[in-house]
Structures are given as C-alpha cells and as structure tokens.
PDB file of all heavy atoms in Angstrom:
ATOM      1  N   ALA A   1     206.247 -53.769  77.475  1.00  0.00           N
ATOM      2  CA  ALA A   1     206.700 -54.547  76.328  1.00  0.00           C
ATOM      3  C   ALA A   1     206.280 -56.003  76.426  1.00  0.00           C
ATOM      4  O   ALA A   1     206.500 -56.787  75.513  1.00  0.00           O
ATOM      5  CB  ALA A   1     208.225 -54.487  76.215  1.00  0.00           C
ATOM      6  N   GLY A   2     205.662 -56.335  77.536  1.00  0.00           N
ATOM      7  CA  GLY A   2     205.437 -57.733  77.878  1.00  0.00           C
ATOM      8  C   GLY A   2     204.627 -58.532  76.889  1.00  0.00           C
ATOM      9  O   GLY A   2     204.868 -59.731  76.704  1.00  0.00           O
ATOM     10  N   LEU A   3     203.631 -57.914  76.257  1.00  0.00           N
ATOM     11  CA  LEU A   3     202.796 -58.665  75.349  1.00  0.00           C
ATOM     12  C   LEU A   3     203.611 -59.228  74.205  1.00  0.00           C
ATOM     13  O   LEU A   3     203.454 -60.394  73.824  1.00  0.00           O
ATOM     14  CB  LEU A   3     201.660 -57.792  74.816  1.00  0.00           C
ATOM     15  CG  LEU A   3     200.615 -58.522  73.971  1.00  0.00           C
ATOM     16  CD1 LEU A   3     199.947 -59.611  74.790  1.00  0.00           C
ATOM     17  CD2 LEU A   3     199.573 -57.550  73.445  1.00  0.00           C
ATOM     18  N   THR A   4     204.507 -58.390  73.656  1.00  0.00           N
ATOM     19  CA  THR A   4     205.378 -58.854  72.582  1.00  0.00           C
ATOM     20  C   THR A   4     206.271 -59.977  73.066  1.00  0.00           C
ATOM     21  O   THR A   4     206.457 -60.989  72.408  1.00  0.00           O
ATOM     22  CB  THR A   4     206.241 -57.708  72.041  1.00  0.00           C
ATOM     23  OG1 THR A   4     205.398 -56.674  71.566  1.00  0.00           O
ATOM     24  CG2 THR A   4     207.139 -58.198  70.906  1.00  0.00           C
ATOM     25  N   VAL A   5     206.842 -59.767  74.263  1.00  0.00           N
ATOM     26  CA  VAL A   5     207.734 -60.763  74.827  1.00  0.00           C
ATOM     27  C   VAL A   5     207.004 -62.070  75.081  1.00  0.00           C
ATOM     28  O   VAL A   5     207.463 -63.145  74.707  1.00  0.00           O
ATOM     29  CB  VAL A   5     208.363 -60.245  76.129  1.00  0.00           C
ATOM     30  CG1 VAL A   5     209.229 -61.330  76.748  1.00  0.00           C
ATOM     31  CG2 VAL A   5     209.188 -58.994  75.860  1.00  0.00           C
ATOM     32  N   LEU A   6     205.854 -61.950  75.740  1.00  0.00           N
ATOM     33  CA  LEU A   6     205.098 -63.144  76.055  1.00  0.00           C
ATOM     34  C   LEU A   6     204.648 -63.877  74.800  1.00  0.00           C
ATOM     35  O   LEU A   6     204.598 -65.103  74.776  1.00  0.00           O
ATOM     36  CB  LEU A   6     203.885 -62.796  76.915  1.00  0.00           C
ATOM     37  CG  LEU A   6     204.216 -62.382  78.343  1.00  0.00           C
ATOM     38  CD1 LEU A   6     202.980 -61.843  79.012  1.00  0.00           C
ATOM     39  CD2 LEU A   6     204.771 -63.552  79.140  1.00  0.00           C
ATOM     40  N   SER A   7     204.321 -63.112  73.769  1.00  0.00           N
ATOM     41  CA  SER A   7     203.946 -63.751  72.515  1.00  0.00           C
ATOM     42  C   SER A   7     205.094 -64.588  71.976  1.00  0.00           C
ATOM     43  O   SER A   7     204.899 -65.692  71.501  1.00  0.00           O
ATOM     44  CB  SER A   7     203.542 -62.696  71.483  1.00  0.00           C
ATOM     45  OG  SER A   7     202.397 -61.990  71.906  1.00  0.00           O
ATOM     46  N   ALA A   8     206.309 -64.045  72.076  1.00  0.00           N
ATOM     47  CA  ALA A   8     207.472 -64.768  71.598  1.00  0.00           C
ATOM     48  C   ALA A   8     207.765 -65.984  72.449  1.00  0.00           C
ATOM     49  O   ALA A   8     208.212 -67.021  71.957  1.00  0.00           O
ATOM     50  CB  ALA A   8     208.700 -63.847  71.588  1.00  0.00           C
ATOM     51  N   VAL A   9     207.497 -65.874  73.750  1.00  0.00           N
ATOM     52  CA  VAL A   9     207.852 -66.940  74.676  1.00  0.00           C
ATOM     53  C   VAL A   9     206.787 -68.006  74.761  1.00  0.00           C
ATOM     54  O   VAL A   9     207.066 -69.193  74.778  1.00  0.00           O
ATOM     55  CB  VAL A   9     208.116 -66.364  76.083  1.00  0.00           C
ATOM     56  CG1 VAL A   9     208.415 -67.493  77.062  1.00  0.00           C
ATOM     57  CG2 VAL A   9     209.278 -65.379  76.045  1.00  0.00           C
ATOM     58  N   PHE A  10     205.502 -67.584  74.789  1.00  0.00           N
ATOM     59  CA  PHE A  10     204.430 -68.501  75.112  1.00  0.00           C
ATOM     60  C   PHE A  10     203.509 -68.891  73.980  1.00  0.00           C
ATOM     61  O   PHE A  10     202.899 -69.950  74.008  1.00  0.00           O
ATOM     62  CB  PHE A  10     203.549 -67.916  76.214  1.00  0.00           C
ATOM     63  CG  PHE A  10     204.230 -67.819  77.532  1.00  0.00           C
ATOM     64  CD1 PHE A  10     204.564 -66.591  78.054  1.00  0.00           C
ATOM     65  CD2 PHE A  10     204.538 -68.948  78.249  1.00  0.00           C
ATOM     66  CE1 PHE A  10     205.183 -66.496  79.287  1.00  0.00           C
ATOM     67  CE2 PHE A  10     205.145 -68.859  79.474  1.00  0.00           C
ATOM     68  CZ  PHE A  10     205.479 -67.624  79.998  1.00  0.00           C
ATOM     69  N   MET A  11     203.279 -68.043  73.022  1.00  0.00           N
ATOM     70  CA  MET A  11     202.217 -68.253  72.058  1.00  0.00           C
ATOM     71  C   MET A  11     202.377 -69.573  71.310  1.00  0.00           C
ATOM     72  O   MET A  11     203.464 -70.022  71.048  1.00  0.00           O
ATOM     73  CB  MET A  11     202.158 -67.097  71.056  1.00  0.00           C
ATOM     74  CG  MET A  11     201.554 -65.826  71.634  1.00  0.00           C
ATOM     75  SD  MET A  11     199.854 -66.108  72.170  1.00  0.00           S
ATOM     76  CE  MET A  11     199.417 -64.431  72.667  1.00  0.00           C
ATOM     77  N   GLY A  12     201.267 -70.146  70.924  1.00  0.00           N
ATOM     78  CA  GLY A  12     201.274 -71.403  70.192  1.00  0.00           C
ATOM     79  C   GLY A  12     201.276 -72.565  71.131  1.00  0.00           C
ATOM     80  O   GLY A  12     200.253 -72.923  71.690  1.00  0.00           O
ATOM     81  N   SER A  13     202.416 -73.173  71.330  1.00  0.00           N
ATOM     82  CA  SER A  13     202.475 -74.408  72.093  1.00  0.00           C
ATOM     83  C   SER A  13     202.955 -74.206  73.510  1.00  0.00           C
ATOM     84  O   SER A  13     203.341 -75.185  74.163  1.00  0.00           O
ATOM     85  CB  SER A  13     203.406 -75.397  71.384  1.00  0.00           C
ATOM     86  OG  SER A  13     204.698 -74.858  71.275  1.00  0.00           O
ATOM     87  N   PHE A  14     202.978 -72.986  74.019  1.00  0.00           N
ATOM     88  CA  PHE A  14     203.375 -72.740  75.392  1.00  0.00           C
ATOM     89  C   PHE A  14     204.804 -73.181  75.632  1.00  0.00           C
ATOM     90  O   PHE A  14     205.094 -74.184  76.256  1.00  0.00           O
ATOM     91  CB  PHE A  14     202.415 -73.464  76.345  1.00  0.00           C
ATOM     92  CG  PHE A  14     202.794 -73.385  77.794  1.00  0.00           C
ATOM     93  CD1 PHE A  14     203.108 -72.191  78.363  1.00  0.00           C
ATOM     94  CD2 PHE A  14     202.816 -74.527  78.564  1.00  0.00           C
ATOM     95  CE1 PHE A  14     203.449 -72.139  79.703  1.00  0.00           C
ATOM     96  CE2 PHE A  14     203.157 -74.486  79.898  1.00  0.00           C
ATOM     97  CZ  PHE A  14     203.475 -73.290  80.473  1.00  0.00           C
ATOM     98  N   SER A  15     205.742 -72.420  75.136  1.00  0.00           N
ATOM     99  CA  SER A  15     207.148 -72.786  75.127  1.00  0.00           C
ATOM    100  C   SER A  15     207.929 -72.021  76.176  1.00  0.00           C
ATOM    101  O   SER A  15     208.429 -70.951  75.910  1.00  0.00           O
ATOM    102  CB  SER A  15     207.731 -72.507  73.731  1.00  0.00           C
ATOM    103  OG  SER A  15     209.041 -72.658  73.679  1.00  0.00           O
ATOM    104  N   ILE A  16     208.040 -72.583  77.377  1.00  0.00           N
ATOM    105  CA  ILE A  16     208.848 -71.994  78.428  1.00  0.00           C
ATOM    106  C   ILE A  16     210.256 -72.523  78.336  1.00  0.00           C
ATOM    107  O   ILE A  16     210.475 -73.724  78.418  1.00  0.00           O
ATOM    108  CB  ILE A  16     208.285 -72.297  79.815  1.00  0.00           C
ATOM    109  CG1 ILE A  16     206.865 -71.736  79.941  1.00  0.00           C
ATOM    110  CG2 ILE A  16     209.167 -71.748  80.904  1.00  0.00           C
ATOM    111  CD1 ILE A  16     206.204 -72.114  81.215  1.00  0.00           C
ATOM    112  N   ALA A  17     211.227 -71.681  78.151  1.00  0.00           N
ATOM    113  CA  ALA A  17     212.618 -72.097  78.088  1.00  0.00           C
ATOM    114  C   ALA A  17     213.204 -72.095  79.481  1.00  0.00           C
ATOM    115  O   ALA A  17     213.341 -71.059  80.104  1.00  0.00           O
ATOM    116  CB  ALA A  17     213.415 -71.175  77.164  1.00  0.00           C
ATOM    117  N   ALA A  18     213.538 -73.243  79.986  1.00  0.00           N
ATOM    118  CA  ALA A  18     214.092 -73.371  81.327  1.00  0.00           C
ATOM    119  C   ALA A  18     215.572 -73.694  81.235  1.00  0.00           C
ATOM    120  O   ALA A  18     215.978 -74.611  80.530  1.00  0.00           O
ATOM    121  CB  ALA A  18     213.372 -74.474  82.092  1.00  0.00           C
ATOM    122  N   ALA A  19     216.412 -72.927  81.894  1.00  0.00           N
ATOM    123  CA  ALA A  19     217.846 -73.152  81.881  1.00  0.00           C
ATOM    124  C   ALA A  19     218.222 -74.317  82.767  1.00  0.00           C
ATOM    125  O   ALA A  19     217.578 -74.588  83.778  1.00  0.00           O
ATOM    126  CB  ALA A  19     218.569 -71.889  82.341  1.00  0.00           C
ATOM    127  N   ASP A  20     219.300 -75.021  82.353  1.00  0.00           N
ATOM    128  CA  ASP A  20     219.864 -76.101  83.153  1.00  0.00           C
ATOM    129  C   ASP A  20     218.830 -77.157  83.550  1.00  0.00           C
ATOM    130  O   ASP A  20     218.733 -77.573  84.688  1.00  0.00           O
ATOM    131  CB  ASP A  20     220.534 -75.537  84.417  1.00  0.00           C
ATOM    132  CG  ASP A  20     221.634 -74.557  84.092  1.00  0.00           C
ATOM    133  OD1 ASP A  20     222.399 -74.816  83.132  1.00  0.00           O
ATOM    134  OD2 ASP A  20     221.738 -73.545  84.783  1.00  0.00           O
ATOM    135  N   THR A  21     218.062 -77.594  82.587  1.00  0.00           N
ATOM    136  CA  THR A  21     217.050 -78.600  82.853  1.00  0.00           C
ATOM    137  C   THR A  21     217.514 -80.010  82.520  1.00  0.00           C
ATOM    138  O   THR A  21     216.761 -80.966  82.694  1.00  0.00           O
ATOM    139  CB  THR A  21     215.777 -78.303  82.051  1.00  0.00           C
ATOM    140  OG1 THR A  21     216.107 -78.239  80.657  1.00  0.00           O
ATOM    141  CG2 THR A  21     215.142 -77.013  82.499  1.00  0.00           C
ATOM    142  N   GLY A  22     218.735 -80.122  82.029  1.00  0.00           N
ATOM    143  CA  GLY A  22     219.236 -81.441  81.685  1.00  0.00           C
ATOM    144  C   GLY A  22     218.681 -82.009  80.410  1.00  0.00           C
ATOM    145  O   GLY A  22     218.739 -83.214  80.161  1.00  0.00           O
ATOM    146  N   ILE A  23     218.109 -81.180  79.548  1.00  0.00           N
ATOM    147  CA  ILE A  23     217.583 -81.633  78.268  1.00  0.00           C
ATOM    148  C   ILE A  23     218.738 -82.047  77.379  1.00  0.00           C
ATOM    149  O   ILE A  23     219.671 -81.283  77.170  1.00  0.00           O
ATOM    150  CB  ILE A  23     216.768 -80.522  77.587  1.00  0.00           C
ATOM    151  CG1 ILE A  23     215.539 -80.189  78.425  1.00  0.00           C
ATOM    152  CG2 ILE A  23     216.353 -80.937  76.181  1.00  0.00           C
ATOM    153  CD1 ILE A  23     214.750 -79.017  77.911  1.00  0.00           C
ATOM    154  N   PRO A  24     218.727 -83.265  76.852  1.00  0.00           N
ATOM    155  CA  PRO A  24     219.856 -83.724  76.053  1.00  0.00           C
ATOM    156  C   PRO A  24     219.940 -83.019  74.716  1.00  0.00           C
ATOM    157  O   PRO A  24     218.936 -82.623  74.140  1.00  0.00           O
ATOM    158  CB  PRO A  24     219.567 -85.216  75.857  1.00  0.00           C
ATOM    159  CG  PRO A  24     218.093 -85.338  76.009  1.00  0.00           C
ATOM    160  CD  PRO A  24     217.687 -84.284  76.996  1.00  0.00           C
TER     161      PRO A  24
END
C-alpha cells in the first residue's frame, strides 16, 4: 500500500509530519 501512502505523505513539497517538534 506504500505508494498510495507515500504519495499522501511526500508528494509535492515533501511533507514529513514529525510529532512533538515544537512547531507553534
């Protein structure tokens, strides 16, 4: 299923969601 998942996570502007990163 990874291609679909990776497309949702990475495609376009390379959007890695990192937990607890202190983003305001």
